[in-house]
Amino acid sequence: MHPHPQLNPLTASFLQHLDVEEQLLGEALVVATDLYAALRKGDLAPVKSTQPQQEQLAVALRMGSDRREVAAIRLAQALGLPPEGLTLSVLAKHLGEPVSTRILAARERLSAITKQLTDFQQRNANLIHHLRSYFRSVLSALTKTSDVPVRYGSSGARLTPGFGAAIKARG
């Protein structure tokens, strides 16, 4: 371990930021999982109720990430490392045991939680897209009054054709 006298408080601060970020990502994963379950059930009340929590978690994650980055840069400076290309692996390599093992373990946990969170966010986005498409087709079928297909724009507003069908088939 580097003999710098400020290293222990800097290391402790950095590890604390890693723990906080892991906790926040875990909370975000729970919310994303609950949101997915509510979407699958078609229960909009939990979907609406999680929105403020999602916004708070997004802000907390952004702030936590910024704070962790500052703590990592301070630790790197104390170790004599440049801030460019700074990763958890680089920091762990320059710190002794048991800190390096703890950083690498946190890195693995953060990667796993982030992957799970990304997977649930993708599932939620796909499900929402599918539901929007389904309801557009239902709405089109319910409001269809002629052979001209009803179309809806990205805002959800009904589009009216300028002068009839764009393509006419003759047989």
Protein backbone atom coordinates (compact mmCIF):
# COMPACT_ATOMS: atom_id res chain seq x y z
CA MET A 1 0.00 0.00 0.00
CA HIS A 2 1.14 3.52 -0.74
CA PRO A 3 2.64 5.24 2.32
CA HIS A 4 0.75 8.51 1.76
CA PRO A 5 -0.81 9.64 5.08
CA GLN A 6 -4.15 10.63 3.48
CA LEU A 7 -4.61 7.29 1.76
CA ASN A 8 -6.61 5.56 4.50
CA PRO A 9 -9.34 8.26 4.74
CA LEU A 10 -9.40 8.53 0.93
CA THR A 11 -9.71 4.76 0.56
CA ALA A 12 -12.44 4.60 3.18
CA SER A 13 -14.35 7.41 1.46
CA PHE A 14 -14.02 5.73 -1.93
CA LEU A 15 -15.22 2.37 -0.58
CA GLN A 16 -18.16 4.11 1.08
CA HIS A 17 -19.14 5.68 -2.26
CA LEU A 18 -18.98 2.25 -3.91
CA ASP A 19 -21.28 0.83 -1.22
CA VAL A 20 -23.78 3.68 -1.64
CA GLU A 21 -23.82 3.28 -5.40
CA GLU A 22 -24.40 -0.46 -5.05
CA GLN A 23 -27.28 0.15 -2.66
CA LEU A 24 -28.89 2.68 -5.03
CA LEU A 25 -28.53 0.33 -8.00
CA GLY A 26 -30.16 -2.42 -5.94
CA GLU A 27 -33.08 -0.12 -5.14
CA ALA A 28 -33.39 0.83 -8.84
CA LEU A 29 -33.46 -2.87 -9.74
CA VAL A 30 -36.31 -3.50 -7.29
CA VAL A 31 -38.29 -0.61 -8.78
CA ALA A 32 -37.65 -1.82 -12.36
CA THR A 33 -38.72 -5.34 -11.40
CA ASP A 34 -41.90 -4.05 -9.75
CA LEU A 35 -42.62 -1.87 -12.76
CA TYR A 36 -42.26 -4.84 -15.10
CA ALA A 37 -44.65 -6.91 -12.98
CA ALA A 38 -47.20 -4.08 -12.93
CA LEU A 39 -46.96 -3.61 -16.70
CA ARG A 40 -47.47 -7.33 -17.29
CA LYS A 41 -50.58 -7.26 -15.11
CA GLY A 42 -51.85 -4.09 -16.77
CA ASP A 43 -52.07 -2.41 -13.37
CA LEU A 44 -51.40 1.29 -13.95
CA ALA A 45 -51.60 2.42 -10.31
CA PRO A 46 -48.18 0.97 -9.36
CA VAL A 47 -46.73 2.24 -12.64
CA LYS A 48 -47.79 5.80 -11.79
CA SER A 49 -46.77 5.52 -8.15
CA THR A 50 -43.20 4.47 -8.97
CA GLN A 51 -42.52 7.50 -11.18
CA PRO A 52 -41.44 9.86 -8.36
CA GLN A 53 -39.29 7.10 -6.86
CA GLN A 54 -37.68 6.45 -10.25
CA GLU A 55 -36.89 10.14 -10.66
CA GLN A 56 -35.41 10.34 -7.15
CA LEU A 57 -33.29 7.25 -7.78
CA ALA A 58 -32.06 8.63 -11.11
CA VAL A 59 -30.94 11.86 -9.43
CA ALA A 60 -29.36 9.96 -6.52
CA LEU A 61 -27.52 7.61 -8.90
CA ARG A 62 -26.20 10.52 -10.95
CA MET A 63 -25.02 12.33 -7.81
CA GLY A 64 -23.56 9.13 -6.37
CA SER A 65 -21.67 8.43 -9.57
CA ASP A 66 -20.27 11.98 -9.59
CA ARG A 67 -19.20 11.69 -5.95
CA ARG A 68 -17.58 8.30 -6.55
CA GLU A 69 -15.68 9.74 -9.51
CA VAL A 70 -14.38 12.63 -7.39
CA ALA A 71 -13.35 10.21 -4.62
CA ALA A 72 -11.62 7.97 -7.19
CA ILE A 73 -9.70 10.91 -8.65
CA ARG A 74 -8.58 12.04 -5.18
CA LEU A 75 -7.45 8.52 -4.36
CA ALA A 76 -5.64 8.23 -7.69
CA GLN A 77 -3.86 11.54 -7.09
CA ALA A 78 -2.73 10.30 -3.67
CA LEU A 79 -1.39 7.18 -5.37
CA GLY A 80 0.35 9.25 -8.05
CA LEU A 81 -1.92 7.98 -10.83
CA PRO A 82 -3.28 10.14 -13.64
CA PRO A 83 -7.07 10.60 -13.70
CA GLU A 84 -7.24 9.55 -17.35
CA GLY A 85 -8.12 5.90 -17.86
CA LEU A 86 -8.96 5.45 -14.20
CA THR A 87 -10.96 2.29 -13.52
CA LEU A 88 -11.74 0.19 -10.48
CA SER A 89 -9.27 -2.42 -11.73
CA VAL A 90 -6.49 0.17 -12.01
CA LEU A 91 -7.15 1.43 -8.49
CA ALA A 92 -7.28 -2.10 -7.10
CA LYS A 93 -3.98 -2.93 -8.76
CA HIS A 94 -2.28 -0.06 -6.92
CA LEU A 95 -3.79 -0.74 -3.51
CA GLY A 96 -2.83 -3.55 -1.18
CA GLU A 97 -4.93 -6.28 0.35
CA PRO A 98 -7.68 -6.37 1.59
CA VAL A 99 -8.71 -3.13 -0.16
CA SER A 100 -7.93 -4.38 -3.67
CA THR A 101 -10.03 -7.51 -3.15
CA ARG A 102 -12.89 -5.43 -1.80
CA ILE A 103 -12.77 -3.05 -4.78
CA LEU A 104 -12.69 -5.91 -7.29
CA ALA A 105 -15.60 -7.63 -5.53
CA ALA A 106 -17.58 -4.38 -5.58
CA ARG A 107 -16.76 -4.04 -9.28
CA GLU A 108 -18.22 -7.48 -9.98
CA ARG A 109 -21.36 -6.76 -7.94
CA LEU A 110 -21.87 -3.37 -9.60
CA SER A 111 -21.46 -4.94 -13.05
CA ALA A 112 -23.96 -7.69 -12.25
CA ILE A 113 -26.57 -5.30 -10.84
CA THR A 114 -26.11 -2.91 -13.76
CA LYS A 115 -26.60 -5.75 -16.24
CA GLN A 116 -29.78 -6.90 -14.49
CA LEU A 117 -31.09 -3.34 -14.36
CA THR A 118 -30.36 -2.80 -18.05
CA ASP A 119 -32.13 -6.07 -18.89
CA PHE A 120 -35.26 -5.04 -16.96
CA GLN A 121 -35.23 -1.56 -18.48
CA GLN A 122 -35.06 -3.14 -21.95
CA ARG A 123 -37.89 -5.53 -21.09
CA ASN A 124 -39.99 -2.63 -19.82
CA ALA A 125 -39.32 -0.60 -22.96
CA ASN A 126 -40.21 -3.56 -25.20
CA LEU A 127 -43.39 -4.24 -23.25
CA ILE A 128 -44.46 -0.59 -23.39
CA HIS A 129 -43.76 -0.49 -27.13
CA HIS A 130 -45.79 -3.67 -27.63
CA LEU A 131 -48.70 -2.31 -25.59
CA ARG A 132 -48.71 0.98 -27.50
CA SER A 133 -48.71 -0.86 -30.80
CA TYR A 134 -51.52 -3.14 -29.64
CA PHE A 135 -53.70 -0.28 -28.46
CA ARG A 136 -53.07 1.69 -31.65
CA SER A 137 -54.29 -1.26 -33.71
CA VAL A 138 -57.34 -1.70 -31.46
CA LEU A 139 -58.13 2.00 -31.71
CA SER A 140 -57.70 1.89 -35.47
CA ALA A 141 -60.05 -1.08 -35.76
CA LEU A 142 -62.67 0.60 -33.55
CA THR A 143 -62.63 3.92 -35.41
CA LYS A 144 -62.28 2.65 -38.97
CA THR A 145 -65.11 4.05 -41.08
CA SER A 146 -63.96 3.30 -44.63
CA ASP A 147 -61.41 1.36 -46.60
CA VAL A 148 -58.79 4.02 -45.85
CA PRO A 149 -56.68 2.78 -42.93
CA VAL A 150 -56.57 5.01 -39.87
CA ARG A 151 -53.07 6.02 -38.85
CA TYR A 152 -51.78 7.64 -35.70
CA GLY A 153 -48.66 9.75 -35.43
CA SER A 154 -45.94 9.55 -32.83
CA SER A 155 -47.85 11.97 -30.60
CA GLY A 156 -50.90 9.69 -30.65
CA ALA A 157 -52.96 12.12 -32.75
CA ARG A 158 -55.02 10.66 -35.56
CA LEU A 159 -53.59 11.36 -39.00
CA THR A 160 -56.02 12.02 -41.81
CA PRO A 161 -54.98 11.25 -45.36
CA GLY A 162 -54.81 14.23 -47.71
CA PHE A 163 -56.62 12.64 -50.63
CA GLY A 164 -57.53 9.02 -50.17
CA ALA A 165 -55.46 5.91 -50.05
CA ALA A 166 -51.83 6.20 -51.08
CA ILE A 167 -51.88 2.85 -52.94
CA LYS A 168 -54.76 1.36 -54.93
CA ALA A 169 -54.72 -2.28 -55.93
CA ARG A 170 -56.32 -3.46 -59.13
CA GLY A 171 -56.86 -7.01 -59.85
